[in-house]
Amino acid sequence: MTTMLNNEEAAAMIGCTPKTLNYWRHKGKGPKFVKFGTHRNAGVRYDLADIEAWKEANTFASTSAYSAAARASVNARNGNLPPAQRVSPSWLQPTR
């Protein structure tokens, strides 16, 4: 059986406040969640396995490893691709 945690329990397990977890959920930055119902105040629960997976994905060995991951995330979010993945429109190509 799956262990489901409420917002307060999940926040305590992650080490943040419930308000921070609410903010992350709103921004799509926190662990996956399940919403029971369609109402704005419908209950939210977190699967323990999803919290563990989110913690693992956000664990870094050094600040430089974190910085590289953060830069890649920001660049992807802003549509900035590395030079090798950039494609120039044909009208910008040099003429012969």
PDB file of N, CA and C in Angstrom:
ATOM      1  N   MET A   1       0.839  -1.185   0.000  1.00  0.00           N
ATOM      2  CA  MET A   1       0.000   0.000   0.000  1.00  0.00           C
ATOM      3  C   MET A   1       0.888   1.254   0.000  1.00  0.00           C
ATOM      4  N   THR A   2       0.461   2.250  -0.714  1.00  0.00           N
ATOM      5  CA  THR A   2       1.202   3.500  -0.838  1.00  0.00           C
ATOM      6  C   THR A   2       1.002   4.365   0.395  1.00  0.00           C
ATOM      7  N   THR A   3       2.085   4.933   0.898  1.00  0.00           N
ATOM      8  CA  THR A   3       1.999   5.863   2.025  1.00  0.00           C
ATOM      9  C   THR A   3       1.815   7.268   1.481  1.00  0.00           C
ATOM     10  N   MET A   4       0.715   7.904   1.884  1.00  0.00           N
ATOM     11  CA  MET A   4       0.412   9.264   1.449  1.00  0.00           C
ATOM     12  C   MET A   4       0.580  10.211   2.627  1.00  0.00           C
ATOM     13  N   LEU A   5       1.207  11.359   2.373  1.00  0.00           N
ATOM     14  CA  LEU A   5       1.451  12.356   3.411  1.00  0.00           C
ATOM     15  C   LEU A   5       0.691  13.635   3.090  1.00  0.00           C
ATOM     16  N   ASN A   6       0.215  14.312   4.131  1.00  0.00           N
ATOM     17  CA  ASN A   6      -0.421  15.611   3.903  1.00  0.00           C
ATOM     18  C   ASN A   6       0.667  16.674   3.746  1.00  0.00           C
ATOM     19  N   ASN A   7       0.259  17.894   3.515  1.00  0.00           N
ATOM     20  CA  ASN A   7       1.200  18.983   3.244  1.00  0.00           C
ATOM     21  C   ASN A   7       2.178  19.194   4.400  1.00  0.00           C
ATOM     22  N   GLU A   8       1.672  19.174   5.620  1.00  0.00           N
ATOM     23  CA  GLU A   8       2.528  19.412   6.791  1.00  0.00           C
ATOM     24  C   GLU A   8       3.539  18.286   6.972  1.00  0.00           C
ATOM     25  N   GLU A   9       3.094  17.037   6.799  1.00  0.00           N
ATOM     26  CA  GLU A   9       3.999  15.893   6.948  1.00  0.00           C
ATOM     27  C   GLU A   9       5.077  15.897   5.860  1.00  0.00           C
ATOM     28  N   ALA A  10       4.665  16.196   4.634  1.00  0.00           N
ATOM     29  CA  ALA A  10       5.625  16.234   3.524  1.00  0.00           C
ATOM     30  C   ALA A  10       6.647  17.350   3.730  1.00  0.00           C
ATOM     31  N   ALA A  11       6.172  18.518   4.173  1.00  0.00           N
ATOM     32  CA  ALA A  11       7.086  19.639   4.415  1.00  0.00           C
ATOM     33  C   ALA A  11       8.105  19.284   5.493  1.00  0.00           C
ATOM     34  N   ALA A  12       7.652  18.632   6.555  1.00  0.00           N
ATOM     35  CA  ALA A  12       8.564  18.232   7.631  1.00  0.00           C
ATOM     36  C   ALA A  12       9.605  17.240   7.115  1.00  0.00           C
ATOM     37  N   MET A  13       9.192  16.342   6.237  1.00  0.00           N
ATOM     38  CA  MET A  13      10.119  15.348   5.706  1.00  0.00           C
ATOM     39  C   MET A  13      11.165  15.998   4.794  1.00  0.00           C
ATOM     40  N   ILE A  14      10.752  17.007   4.044  1.00  0.00           N
ATOM     41  CA  ILE A  14      11.670  17.699   3.138  1.00  0.00           C
ATOM     42  C   ILE A  14      12.559  18.673   3.903  1.00  0.00           C
ATOM     43  N   GLY A  15      12.022  19.235   4.979  1.00  0.00           N
ATOM     44  CA  GLY A  15      12.785  20.205   5.760  1.00  0.00           C
ATOM     45  C   GLY A  15      12.457  21.638   5.392  1.00  0.00           C
ATOM     46  N   CYS A  16      11.207  21.873   5.020  1.00  0.00           N
ATOM     47  CA  CYS A  16      10.769  23.231   4.695  1.00  0.00           C
ATOM     48  C   CYS A  16       9.446  23.489   5.413  1.00  0.00           C
ATOM     49  N   THR A  17       8.933  24.684   5.286  1.00  0.00           N
ATOM     50  CA  THR A  17       7.642  24.991   5.901  1.00  0.00           C
ATOM     51  C   THR A  17       6.520  24.559   4.957  1.00  0.00           C
ATOM     52  N   PRO A  18       5.330  24.309   5.494  1.00  0.00           N
ATOM     53  CA  PRO A  18       4.192  23.996   4.626  1.00  0.00           C
ATOM     54  C   PRO A  18       3.912  25.107   3.615  1.00  0.00           C
ATOM     55  N   LYS A  19       4.143  26.349   4.010  1.00  0.00           N
ATOM     56  CA  LYS A  19       3.922  27.479   3.101  1.00  0.00           C
ATOM     57  C   LYS A  19       4.891  27.417   1.912  1.00  0.00           C
ATOM     58  N   THR A  20       6.140  27.050   2.169  1.00  0.00           N
ATOM     59  CA  THR A  20       7.114  26.901   1.082  1.00  0.00           C
ATOM     60  C   THR A  20       6.689  25.788   0.138  1.00  0.00           C
ATOM     61  N   LEU A  21       6.220  24.680   0.694  1.00  0.00           N
ATOM     62  CA  LEU A  21       5.759  23.565  -0.132  1.00  0.00           C
ATOM     63  C   LEU A  21       4.554  23.987  -0.978  1.00  0.00           C
ATOM     64  N   ASN A  22       3.658  24.788  -0.410  1.00  0.00           N
ATOM     65  CA  ASN A  22       2.526  25.332  -1.185  1.00  0.00           C
ATOM     66  C   ASN A  22       3.036  26.150  -2.364  1.00  0.00           C
ATOM     67  N   TYR A  23       4.021  26.998  -2.108  1.00  0.00           N
ATOM     68  CA  TYR A  23       4.590  27.853  -3.161  1.00  0.00           C
ATOM     69  C   TYR A  23       5.233  27.008  -4.258  1.00  0.00           C
ATOM     70  N   TRP A  24       6.034  26.022  -3.855  1.00  0.00           N
ATOM     71  CA  TRP A  24       6.672  25.146  -4.834  1.00  0.00           C
ATOM     72  C   TRP A  24       5.629  24.426  -5.677  1.00  0.00           C
ATOM     73  N   ARG A  25       4.552  23.972  -5.030  1.00  0.00           N
ATOM     74  CA  ARG A  25       3.490  23.273  -5.752  1.00  0.00           C
ATOM     75  C   ARG A  25       2.870  24.214  -6.785  1.00  0.00           C
ATOM     76  N   HIS A  26       2.632  25.447  -6.393  1.00  0.00           N
ATOM     77  CA  HIS A  26       2.067  26.454  -7.295  1.00  0.00           C
ATOM     78  C   HIS A  26       2.990  26.708  -8.487  1.00  0.00           C
ATOM     79  N   LYS A  27       4.293  26.741  -8.241  1.00  0.00           N
ATOM     80  CA  LYS A  27       5.279  27.015  -9.290  1.00  0.00           C
ATOM     81  C   LYS A  27       5.719  25.759 -10.051  1.00  0.00           C
ATOM     82  N   GLY A  28       5.288  24.578  -9.597  1.00  0.00           N
ATOM     83  CA  GLY A  28       5.690  23.340 -10.252  1.00  0.00           C
ATOM     84  C   GLY A  28       7.112  22.927  -9.944  1.00  0.00           C
ATOM     85  N   LYS A  29       7.637  23.329  -8.787  1.00  0.00           N
ATOM     86  CA  LYS A  29       9.031  23.055  -8.437  1.00  0.00           C
ATOM     87  C   LYS A  29       9.196  21.931  -7.423  1.00  0.00           C
ATOM     88  N   GLY A  30       8.163  21.580  -6.715  1.00  0.00           N
ATOM     89  CA  GLY A  30       8.268  20.588  -5.653  1.00  0.00           C
ATOM     90  C   GLY A  30       7.989  19.182  -6.144  1.00  0.00           C
ATOM     91  N   PRO A  31       7.845  18.260  -5.195  1.00  0.00           N
ATOM     92  CA  PRO A  31       7.545  16.874  -5.560  1.00  0.00           C
ATOM     93  C   PRO A  31       6.145  16.743  -6.154  1.00  0.00           C
ATOM     94  N   LYS A  32       5.928  15.646  -6.881  1.00  0.00           N
ATOM     95  CA  LYS A  32       4.606  15.369  -7.442  1.00  0.00           C
ATOM     96  C   LYS A  32       3.588  15.283  -6.313  1.00  0.00           C
ATOM     97  N   PHE A  33       2.353  15.641  -6.611  1.00  0.00           N
ATOM     98  CA  PHE A  33       1.294  15.588  -5.606  1.00  0.00           C
ATOM     99  C   PHE A  33       0.007  15.076  -6.232  1.00  0.00           C
ATOM    100  N   VAL A  34      -0.911  14.671  -5.369  1.00  0.00           N
ATOM    101  CA  VAL A  34      -2.231  14.216  -5.787  1.00  0.00           C
ATOM    102  C   VAL A  34      -3.241  15.167  -5.183  1.00  0.00           C
ATOM    103  N   LYS A  35      -4.148  15.669  -6.005  1.00  0.00           N
ATOM    104  CA  LYS A  35      -5.183  16.571  -5.510  1.00  0.00           C
ATOM    105  C   LYS A  35      -6.502  15.809  -5.531  1.00  0.00           C
ATOM    106  N   PHE A  36      -7.163  15.747  -4.393  1.00  0.00           N
ATOM    107  CA  PHE A  36      -8.422  15.034  -4.264  1.00  0.00           C
ATOM    108  C   PHE A  36      -9.573  16.014  -4.430  1.00  0.00           C
ATOM    109  N   GLY A  37     -10.125  16.085  -5.632  1.00  0.00           N
ATOM    110  CA  GLY A  37     -11.228  16.986  -5.919  1.00  0.00           C
ATOM    111  C   GLY A  37     -10.797  18.115  -6.823  1.00  0.00           C
ATOM    112  N   THR A  38     -11.788  18.892  -7.259  1.00  0.00           N
ATOM    113  CA  THR A  38     -11.515  19.984  -8.188  1.00  0.00           C
ATOM    114  C   THR A  38     -11.615  21.350  -7.529  1.00  0.00           C
ATOM    115  N   HIS A  39     -12.124  21.393  -6.328  1.00  0.00           N
ATOM    116  CA  HIS A  39     -12.280  22.672  -5.637  1.00  0.00           C
ATOM    117  C   HIS A  39     -10.914  23.243  -5.275  1.00  0.00           C
ATOM    118  N   ARG A  40     -10.832  24.551  -5.223  1.00  0.00           N
ATOM    119  CA  ARG A  40      -9.578  25.238  -4.891  1.00  0.00           C
ATOM    120  C   ARG A  40      -8.969  24.739  -3.586  1.00  0.00           C
ATOM    121  N   ASN A  41      -9.808  24.443  -2.616  1.00  0.00           N
ATOM    122  CA  ASN A  41      -9.318  23.997  -1.311  1.00  0.00           C
ATOM    123  C   ASN A  41      -9.360  22.480  -1.149  1.00  0.00           C
ATOM    124  N   ALA A  42      -9.409  21.747  -2.266  1.00  0.00           N
ATOM    125  CA  ALA A  42      -9.426  20.287  -2.196  1.00  0.00           C
ATOM    126  C   ALA A  42      -8.127  19.795  -1.558  1.00  0.00           C
ATOM    127  N   GLY A  43      -8.216  18.656  -0.897  1.00  0.00           N
ATOM    128  CA  GLY A  43      -7.058  18.102  -0.206  1.00  0.00           C
ATOM    129  C   GLY A  43      -5.923  17.719  -1.142  1.00  0.00           C
ATOM    130  N   VAL A  44      -4.709  17.900  -0.664  1.00  0.00           N
ATOM    131  CA  VAL A  44      -3.505  17.552  -1.420  1.00  0.00           C
ATOM    132  C   VAL A  44      -2.721  16.537  -0.600  1.00  0.00           C
ATOM    133  N   ARG A  45      -2.223  15.507  -1.265  1.00  0.00           N
ATOM    134  CA  ARG A  45      -1.402  14.497  -0.609  1.00  0.00           C
ATOM    135  C   ARG A  45      -0.172  14.228  -1.470  1.00  0.00           C
ATOM    136  N   TYR A  46       0.876  13.796  -0.805  1.00  0.00           N
ATOM    137  CA  TYR A  46       2.134  13.462  -1.463  1.00  0.00           C
ATOM    138  C   TYR A  46       2.432  11.993  -1.225  1.00  0.00           C
ATOM    139  N   ASP A  47       2.785  11.288  -2.291  1.00  0.00           N
ATOM    140  CA  ASP A  47       3.199   9.897  -2.179  1.00  0.00           C
ATOM    141  C   ASP A  47       4.626   9.893  -1.626  1.00  0.00           C
ATOM    142  N   LEU A  48       4.869   9.072  -0.634  1.00  0.00           N
ATOM    143  CA  LEU A  48       6.190   8.994  -0.010  1.00  0.00           C
ATOM    144  C   LEU A  48       7.270   8.691  -1.048  1.00  0.00           C
ATOM    145  N   ALA A  49       6.971   7.806  -2.006  1.00  0.00           N
ATOM    146  CA  ALA A  49       7.949   7.464  -3.050  1.00  0.00           C
ATOM    147  C   ALA A  49       8.276   8.677  -3.923  1.00  0.00           C
ATOM    148  N   ASP A  50       7.285   9.532  -4.198  1.00  0.00           N
ATOM    149  CA  ASP A  50       7.530  10.736  -5.000  1.00  0.00           C
ATOM    150  C   ASP A  50       8.402  11.738  -4.248  1.00  0.00           C
ATOM    151  N   ILE A  51       8.213  11.827  -2.941  1.00  0.00           N
ATOM    152  CA  ILE A  51       9.054  12.725  -2.137  1.00  0.00           C
ATOM    153  C   ILE A  51      10.493  12.228  -2.142  1.00  0.00           C
ATOM    154  N   GLU A  52      10.666  10.926  -1.961  1.00  0.00           N
ATOM    155  CA  GLU A  52      12.017  10.349  -1.979  1.00  0.00           C
ATOM    156  C   GLU A  52      12.680  10.565  -3.340  1.00  0.00           C
ATOM    157  N   ALA A  53      11.925  10.370  -4.425  1.00  0.00           N
ATOM    158  CA  ALA A  53      12.476  10.571  -5.771  1.00  0.00           C
ATOM    159  C   ALA A  53      12.850  12.034  -5.995  1.00  0.00           C
ATOM    160  N   TRP A  54      12.008  12.955  -5.517  1.00  0.00           N
ATOM    161  CA  TRP A  54      12.294  14.386  -5.668  1.00  0.00           C
ATOM    162  C   TRP A  54      13.548  14.765  -4.879  1.00  0.00           C
ATOM    163  N   LYS A  55      13.675  14.232  -3.667  1.00  0.00           N
ATOM    164  CA  LYS A  55      14.867  14.511  -2.861  1.00  0.00           C
ATOM    165  C   LYS A  55      16.122  13.981  -3.554  1.00  0.00           C
ATOM    166  N   GLU A  56      16.033  12.789  -4.127  1.00  0.00           N
ATOM    167  CA  GLU A  56      17.180  12.197  -4.822  1.00  0.00           C
ATOM    168  C   GLU A  56      17.567  13.037  -6.041  1.00  0.00           C
ATOM    169  N   ALA A  57      16.568  13.508  -6.782  1.00  0.00           N
ATOM    170  CA  ALA A  57      16.835  14.318  -7.974  1.00  0.00           C
ATOM    171  C   ALA A  57      17.408  15.686  -7.622  1.00  0.00           C
ATOM    172  N   ASN A  58      17.221  16.111  -6.385  1.00  0.00           N
ATOM    173  CA  ASN A  58      17.704  17.424  -5.953  1.00  0.00           C
ATOM    174  C   ASN A  58      18.856  17.312  -4.961  1.00  0.00           C
ATOM    175  N   THR A  59      19.595  16.213  -5.047  1.00  0.00           N
ATOM    176  CA  THR A  59      20.765  15.988  -4.205  1.00  0.00           C
ATOM    177  C   THR A  59      22.018  16.147  -5.070  1.00  0.00           C
ATOM    178  N   PHE A  60      22.940  16.978  -4.619  1.00  0.00           N
ATOM    179  CA  PHE A  60      24.142  17.278  -5.399  1.00  0.00           C
ATOM    180  C   PHE A  60      25.380  17.037  -4.548  1.00  0.00           C
ATOM    181  N   ALA A  61      26.476  16.663  -5.208  1.00  0.00           N
ATOM    182  CA  ALA A  61      27.728  16.386  -4.515  1.00  0.00           C
ATOM    183  C   ALA A  61      28.531  17.653  -4.247  1.00  0.00           C
ATOM    184  N   SER A  62      28.269  18.705  -5.008  1.00  0.00           N
ATOM    185  CA  SER A  62      29.029  19.944  -4.835  1.00  0.00           C
ATOM    186  C   SER A  62      28.194  21.126  -5.310  1.00  0.00           C
ATOM    187  N   THR A  63      28.628  22.316  -4.940  1.00  0.00           N
ATOM    188  CA  THR A  63      27.915  23.509  -5.390  1.00  0.00           C
ATOM    189  C   THR A  63      28.065  23.709  -6.891  1.00  0.00           C
ATOM    190  N   SER A  64      29.192  23.270  -7.459  1.00  0.00           N
ATOM    191  CA  SER A  64      29.358  23.419  -8.907  1.00  0.00           C
ATOM    192  C   SER A  64      28.398  22.500  -9.661  1.00  0.00           C
ATOM    193  N   ALA A  65      28.145  21.309  -9.123  1.00  0.00           N
ATOM    194  CA  ALA A  65      27.171  20.408  -9.754  1.00  0.00           C
ATOM    195  C   ALA A  65      25.778  21.018  -9.687  1.00  0.00           C
ATOM    196  N   TYR A  66      25.447  21.626  -8.548  1.00  0.00           N
ATOM    197  CA  TYR A  66      24.153  22.297  -8.420  1.00  0.00           C
ATOM    198  C   TYR A  66      24.064  23.471  -9.385  1.00  0.00           C
ATOM    199  N   SER A  67      25.123  24.265  -9.472  1.00  0.00           N
ATOM    200  CA  SER A  67      25.116  25.442 -10.345  1.00  0.00           C
ATOM    201  C   SER A  67      24.899  25.058 -11.804  1.00  0.00           C
ATOM    202  N   ALA A  68      25.549  23.989 -12.245  1.00  0.00           N
ATOM    203  CA  ALA A  68      25.384  23.544 -13.629  1.00  0.00           C
ATOM    204  C   ALA A  68      23.947  23.097 -13.879  1.00  0.00           C
ATOM    205  N   ALA A  69      23.366  22.372 -12.937  1.00  0.00           N
ATOM    206  CA  ALA A  69      21.979  21.922 -13.082  1.00  0.00           C
ATOM    207  C   ALA A  69      21.021  23.102 -13.059  1.00  0.00           C
ATOM    208  N   ALA A  70      21.281  24.067 -12.198  1.00  0.00           N
ATOM    209  CA  ALA A  70      20.414  25.248 -12.106  1.00  0.00           C
ATOM    210  C   ALA A  70      20.486  26.068 -13.389  1.00  0.00           C
ATOM    211  N   ARG A  71      21.698  26.244 -13.933  1.00  0.00           N
ATOM    212  CA  ARG A  71      21.838  26.995 -15.186  1.00  0.00           C
ATOM    213  C   ARG A  71      21.102  26.295 -16.322  1.00  0.00           C
ATOM    214  N   ALA A  72      21.236  24.976 -16.403  1.00  0.00           N
ATOM    215  CA  ALA A  72      20.560  24.221 -17.461  1.00  0.00           C
ATOM    216  C   ALA A  72      19.049  24.352 -17.328  1.00  0.00           C
ATOM    217  N   SER A  73      18.556  24.326 -16.099  1.00  0.00           N
ATOM    218  CA  SER A  73      17.121  24.461 -15.863  1.00  0.00           C
ATOM    219  C   SER A  73      16.619  25.838 -16.279  1.00  0.00           C
ATOM    220  N   VAL A  74      17.336  26.875 -15.896  1.00  0.00           N
ATOM    221  CA  VAL A  74      16.938  28.246 -16.252  1.00  0.00           C
ATOM    222  C   VAL A  74      17.004  28.437 -17.760  1.00  0.00           C
ATOM    223  N   ASN A  75      18.064  27.951 -18.391  1.00  0.00           N
ATOM    224  CA  ASN A  75      18.192  28.089 -19.842  1.00  0.00           C
ATOM    225  C   ASN A  75      17.071  27.364 -20.571  1.00  0.00           C
ATOM    226  N   ALA A  76      16.734  26.161 -20.125  1.00  0.00           N
ATOM    227  CA  ALA A  76      15.647  25.416 -20.759  1.00  0.00           C
ATOM    228  C   ALA A  76      14.322  26.140 -20.573  1.00  0.00           C
ATOM    229  N   ARG A  77      14.103  26.669 -19.388  1.00  0.00           N
ATOM    230  CA  ARG A  77      12.854  27.381 -19.097  1.00  0.00           C
ATOM    231  C   ARG A  77      12.735  28.640 -19.946  1.00  0.00           C
ATOM    232  N   ASN A  78      13.854  29.324 -20.186  1.00  0.00           N
ATOM    233  CA  ASN A  78      13.840  30.570 -20.956  1.00  0.00           C
ATOM    234  C   ASN A  78      13.997  30.352 -22.458  1.00  0.00           C
ATOM    235  N   GLY A  79      14.139  29.107 -22.867  1.00  0.00           N
ATOM    236  CA  GLY A  79      14.285  28.813 -24.290  1.00  0.00           C
ATOM    237  C   GLY A  79      15.679  29.042 -24.825  1.00  0.00           C
ATOM    238  N   ASN A  80      16.655  29.200 -23.947  1.00  0.00           N
ATOM    239  CA  ASN A  80      18.048  29.386 -24.377  1.00  0.00           C
ATOM    240  C   ASN A  80      18.691  28.022 -24.559  1.00  0.00           C
ATOM    241  N   LEU A  81      19.040  27.697 -25.770  1.00  0.00           N
ATOM    242  CA  LEU A  81      19.659  26.413 -26.053  1.00  0.00           C
ATOM    243  C   LEU A  81      21.162  26.575 -26.192  1.00  0.00           C
ATOM    244  N   PRO A  82      21.918  25.507 -25.911  1.00  0.00           N
ATOM    245  CA  PRO A  82      23.358  25.560 -26.155  1.00  0.00           C
ATOM    246  C   PRO A  82      23.609  25.810 -27.641  1.00  0.00           C
ATOM    247  N   PRO A  83      24.766  26.400 -28.004  1.00  0.00           N
ATOM    248  CA  PRO A  83      25.045  26.725 -29.408  1.00  0.00           C
ATOM    249  C   PRO A  83      24.835  25.559 -30.367  1.00  0.00           C
ATOM    250  N   ALA A  84      25.169  24.347 -29.972  1.00  0.00           N
ATOM    251  CA  ALA A  84      25.028  23.194 -30.861  1.00  0.00           C
ATOM    252  C   ALA A  84      23.567  22.895 -31.187  1.00  0.00           C
ATOM    253  N   GLN A  85      22.638  23.337 -30.345  1.00  0.00           N
ATOM    254  CA  GLN A  85      21.225  23.047 -30.568  1.00  0.00           C
ATOM    255  C   GLN A  85      20.471  24.225 -31.181  1.00  0.00           C
ATOM    256  N   ARG A  86      21.149  25.331 -31.403  1.00  0.00           N
ATOM    257  CA  ARG A  86      20.495  26.489 -31.998  1.00  0.00           C
ATOM    258  C   ARG A  86      20.380  26.296 -33.508  1.00  0.00           C
ATOM    259  N   VAL A  87      19.274  26.694 -34.052  1.00  0.00           N
ATOM    260  CA  VAL A  87      19.063  26.596 -35.491  1.00  0.00           C
ATOM    261  C   VAL A  87      18.732  27.987 -36.004  1.00  0.00           C
ATOM    262  N   SER A  88      19.499  28.453 -36.967  1.00  0.00           N
ATOM    263  CA  SER A  88      19.242  29.767 -37.565  1.00  0.00           C
ATOM    264  C   SER A  88      18.222  29.614 -38.683  1.00  0.00           C
ATOM    265  N   PRO A  89      17.312  30.570 -38.815  1.00  0.00           N
ATOM    266  CA  PRO A  89      16.376  30.515 -39.939  1.00  0.00           C
ATOM    267  C   PRO A  89      17.133  30.638 -41.257  1.00  0.00           C
ATOM    268  N   SER A  90      16.550  30.105 -42.318  1.00  0.00           N
ATOM    269  CA  SER A  90      17.236  30.086 -43.615  1.00  0.00           C
ATOM    270  C   SER A  90      17.575  31.489 -44.103  1.00  0.00           C
ATOM    271  N   TRP A  91      16.752  32.475 -43.782  1.00  0.00           N
ATOM    272  CA  TRP A  91      17.020  33.825 -44.265  1.00  0.00           C
ATOM    273  C   TRP A  91      18.221  34.464 -43.569  1.00  0.00           C
ATOM    274  N   LEU A  92      18.704  33.844 -42.474  1.00  0.00           N
ATOM    275  CA  LEU A  92      19.903  34.350 -41.803  1.00  0.00           C
ATOM    276  C   LEU A  92      21.174  33.636 -42.259  1.00  0.00           C
ATOM    277  N   GLN A  93      21.015  32.596 -43.060  1.00  0.00           N
ATOM    278  CA  GLN A  93      22.177  31.838 -43.523  1.00  0.00           C
ATOM    279  C   GLN A  93      22.988  32.694 -44.491  1.00  0.00           C
ATOM    280  N   PRO A  94      24.317  32.579 -44.467  1.00  0.00           N
ATOM    281  CA  PRO A  94      25.146  33.366 -45.389  1.00  0.00           C
ATOM    282  C   PRO A  94      24.875  32.970 -46.841  1.00  0.00           C
ATOM    283  N   THR A  95      24.924  33.933 -47.718  1.00  0.00           N
ATOM    284  CA  THR A  95      24.735  33.654 -49.147  1.00  0.00           C
ATOM    285  C   THR A  95      26.083  33.427 -49.800  1.00  0.00           C
ATOM    286  N   ARG A  96      26.071  32.712 -50.897  1.00  0.00           N
ATOM    287  CA  ARG A  96      27.329  32.407 -51.598  1.00  0.00           C
ATOM    288  C   ARG A  96      27.522  33.291 -52.764  1.00  0.00           C
TER     289      ARG A  96
END
